[in-house]
Amino acid sequence: MEQKEIHYQFVNSETGNVLAYLSLPANIGDEERQAKLEEKRDELAIAHGLYTELIYWQDQDHPSQ
């Protein structure tokens, strides 16, 4: 049986550029999902010299408008 995943993209809110992608299992808990997304955002902020608040994530299959 295939493991379902949710695919996220991390976006620089100033430029609209996608900085990275991350796939997480669909069946992980909300707290664990939130922690992994925040950890990735923190890593990207450090790597790109950005404030954490400038980076947001969205579900690739259901992006917010």
N, C-alpha and C. Protein backbone atom coordinates (compact mmCIF):
# COMPACT_ATOMS: atom_id res chain seq x y z
N MET A 1 0.84 -1.18 0.00
CA MET A 1 0.00 0.00 0.00
C MET A 1 0.89 1.25 0.00
N GLU A 2 0.55 2.19 -0.84
CA GLU A 2 1.35 3.40 -1.00
C GLU A 2 1.05 4.40 0.11
N GLN A 3 2.12 4.95 0.68
CA GLN A 3 2.01 5.97 1.73
C GLN A 3 1.62 7.30 1.09
N LYS A 4 0.54 7.89 1.54
CA LYS A 4 0.12 9.20 1.03
C LYS A 4 0.96 10.28 1.69
N GLU A 5 1.26 11.31 0.91
CA GLU A 5 2.06 12.42 1.41
C GLU A 5 1.38 13.73 1.06
N ILE A 6 1.71 14.75 1.85
CA ILE A 6 1.31 16.12 1.54
C ILE A 6 2.59 16.86 1.16
N HIS A 7 2.54 17.54 0.04
CA HIS A 7 3.71 18.23 -0.49
C HIS A 7 3.57 19.72 -0.23
N TYR A 8 4.57 20.27 0.43
CA TYR A 8 4.57 21.69 0.79
C TYR A 8 5.64 22.42 0.00
N GLN A 9 5.38 23.69 -0.24
CA GLN A 9 6.41 24.55 -0.79
C GLN A 9 6.59 25.74 0.15
N PHE A 10 7.82 26.18 0.27
CA PHE A 10 8.18 27.30 1.13
C PHE A 10 8.47 28.50 0.23
N VAL A 11 7.80 29.60 0.51
CA VAL A 11 7.82 30.76 -0.39
C VAL A 11 8.35 31.98 0.35
N ASN A 12 9.20 32.74 -0.33
CA ASN A 12 9.66 34.03 0.16
C ASN A 12 8.54 35.02 -0.13
N SER A 13 7.93 35.56 0.90
CA SER A 13 6.77 36.44 0.70
C SER A 13 7.13 37.77 0.04
N GLU A 14 8.38 38.19 0.10
CA GLU A 14 8.79 39.44 -0.55
C GLU A 14 8.90 39.27 -2.06
N THR A 15 9.41 38.14 -2.51
CA THR A 15 9.67 37.95 -3.94
C THR A 15 8.67 37.01 -4.61
N GLY A 16 8.02 36.16 -3.82
CA GLY A 16 7.13 35.15 -4.39
C GLY A 16 7.88 33.92 -4.87
N ASN A 17 9.20 33.90 -4.70
CA ASN A 17 10.01 32.76 -5.14
C ASN A 17 9.85 31.57 -4.19
N VAL A 18 9.76 30.38 -4.78
CA VAL A 18 9.75 29.16 -3.98
C VAL A 18 11.18 28.84 -3.59
N LEU A 19 11.40 28.67 -2.30
CA LEU A 19 12.75 28.41 -1.78
C LEU A 19 13.04 26.92 -1.66
N ALA A 20 12.02 26.13 -1.35
CA ALA A 20 12.24 24.70 -1.13
C ALA A 20 10.89 23.97 -1.12
N TYR A 21 11.00 22.66 -1.17
CA TYR A 21 9.84 21.78 -1.10
C TYR A 21 10.06 20.78 0.03
N LEU A 22 8.98 20.31 0.60
CA LEU A 22 9.06 19.31 1.66
C LEU A 22 7.82 18.43 1.57
N SER A 23 8.01 17.12 1.61
CA SER A 23 6.90 16.17 1.63
C SER A 23 6.84 15.52 2.99
N LEU A 24 5.63 15.46 3.55
CA LEU A 24 5.41 14.83 4.85
C LEU A 24 4.31 13.80 4.74
N PRO A 25 4.40 12.73 5.51
CA PRO A 25 3.33 11.73 5.49
C PRO A 25 2.00 12.36 5.89
N ALA A 26 0.95 12.00 5.20
CA ALA A 26 -0.36 12.57 5.48
C ALA A 26 -0.90 12.15 6.84
N ASN A 27 -0.39 11.07 7.38
CA ASN A 27 -0.96 10.54 8.63
C ASN A 27 -0.21 10.97 9.89
N ILE A 28 0.74 11.92 9.80
CA ILE A 28 1.39 12.38 11.02
C ILE A 28 0.47 13.36 11.75
N GLY A 29 0.69 13.50 13.04
CA GLY A 29 -0.14 14.37 13.85
C GLY A 29 0.09 15.84 13.54
N ASP A 30 -0.89 16.65 13.89
CA ASP A 30 -0.81 18.09 13.61
C ASP A 30 0.38 18.74 14.29
N GLU A 31 0.66 18.37 15.54
CA GLU A 31 1.78 18.98 16.26
C GLU A 31 3.11 18.62 15.62
N GLU A 32 3.27 17.36 15.23
CA GLU A 32 4.51 16.93 14.59
C GLU A 32 4.67 17.60 13.22
N ARG A 33 3.59 17.70 12.46
CA ARG A 33 3.62 18.36 11.15
C ARG A 33 4.04 19.83 11.32
N GLN A 34 3.41 20.51 12.26
CA GLN A 34 3.72 21.92 12.51
C GLN A 34 5.19 22.08 12.90
N ALA A 35 5.69 21.20 13.75
CA ALA A 35 7.09 21.28 14.19
C ALA A 35 8.05 21.08 13.02
N LYS A 36 7.75 20.13 12.14
CA LYS A 36 8.63 19.88 10.99
C LYS A 36 8.61 21.04 10.00
N LEU A 37 7.43 21.63 9.80
CA LEU A 37 7.33 22.77 8.89
C LEU A 37 8.07 23.98 9.45
N GLU A 38 7.93 24.22 10.74
CA GLU A 38 8.64 25.34 11.36
C GLU A 38 10.15 25.13 11.35
N GLU A 39 10.58 23.89 11.57
CA GLU A 39 12.01 23.58 11.54
C GLU A 39 12.59 23.85 10.15
N LYS A 40 11.87 23.43 9.11
CA LYS A 40 12.34 23.66 7.74
C LYS A 40 12.37 25.16 7.43
N ARG A 41 11.35 25.90 7.87
CA ARG A 41 11.30 27.34 7.65
C ARG A 41 12.50 28.01 8.33
N ASP A 42 12.82 27.60 9.56
CA ASP A 42 13.97 28.16 10.27
C ASP A 42 15.27 27.88 9.52
N GLU A 43 15.43 26.65 9.02
CA GLU A 43 16.62 26.29 8.25
C GLU A 43 16.76 27.17 7.01
N LEU A 44 15.65 27.38 6.32
CA LEU A 44 15.67 28.20 5.11
C LEU A 44 15.97 29.66 5.42
N ALA A 45 15.42 30.17 6.51
CA ALA A 45 15.69 31.55 6.90
C ALA A 45 17.19 31.76 7.14
N ILE A 46 17.81 30.83 7.84
CA ILE A 46 19.25 30.92 8.10
C ILE A 46 20.04 30.81 6.79
N ALA A 47 19.70 29.83 5.97
CA ALA A 47 20.43 29.59 4.72
C ALA A 47 20.33 30.78 3.75
N HIS A 48 19.20 31.47 3.75
CA HIS A 48 18.97 32.56 2.80
C HIS A 48 19.11 33.95 3.42
N GLY A 49 19.45 34.00 4.71
CA GLY A 49 19.62 35.28 5.38
C GLY A 49 18.34 36.10 5.44
N LEU A 50 17.22 35.42 5.68
CA LEU A 50 15.92 36.07 5.74
C LEU A 50 15.33 36.00 7.14
N TYR A 51 14.44 36.93 7.44
CA TYR A 51 13.66 36.81 8.66
C TYR A 51 12.70 35.63 8.50
N THR A 52 12.53 34.88 9.56
CA THR A 52 11.64 33.73 9.53
C THR A 52 10.24 34.11 9.06
N GLU A 53 9.76 35.27 9.49
CA GLU A 53 8.41 35.71 9.16
C GLU A 53 8.21 35.98 7.67
N LEU A 54 9.28 36.11 6.92
CA LEU A 54 9.17 36.35 5.48
C LEU A 54 8.92 35.08 4.69
N ILE A 55 9.03 33.94 5.35
CA ILE A 55 8.86 32.66 4.68
C ILE A 55 7.56 32.03 5.15
N TYR A 56 6.75 31.62 4.18
CA TYR A 56 5.54 30.88 4.54
C TYR A 56 5.50 29.59 3.74
N TRP A 57 4.70 28.66 4.21
CA TRP A 57 4.54 27.41 3.48
C TRP A 57 3.10 27.25 3.08
N GLN A 58 2.92 26.47 2.01
CA GLN A 58 1.58 26.15 1.55
C GLN A 58 1.58 24.76 0.95
N ASP A 59 0.44 24.13 1.01
CA ASP A 59 0.23 22.83 0.40
C ASP A 59 0.28 23.03 -1.11
N GLN A 60 1.17 22.33 -1.79
CA GLN A 60 1.31 22.48 -3.24
C GLN A 60 0.03 22.14 -3.98
N ASP A 61 -0.71 21.16 -3.49
CA ASP A 61 -1.91 20.73 -4.18
C ASP A 61 -3.11 21.62 -3.91
N HIS A 62 -3.03 22.42 -2.83
CA HIS A 62 -4.12 23.32 -2.45
C HIS A 62 -3.55 24.66 -1.98
N PRO A 63 -2.88 25.39 -2.89
CA PRO A 63 -2.28 26.66 -2.48
C PRO A 63 -3.34 27.67 -2.10
N SER A 64 -2.99 28.50 -1.13
CA SER A 64 -3.92 29.56 -0.73
C SER A 64 -3.89 30.64 -1.80
N GLN A 65 -4.99 31.27 -2.00
CA GLN A 65 -5.10 32.31 -3.03
C GLN A 65 -4.88 33.66 -2.41
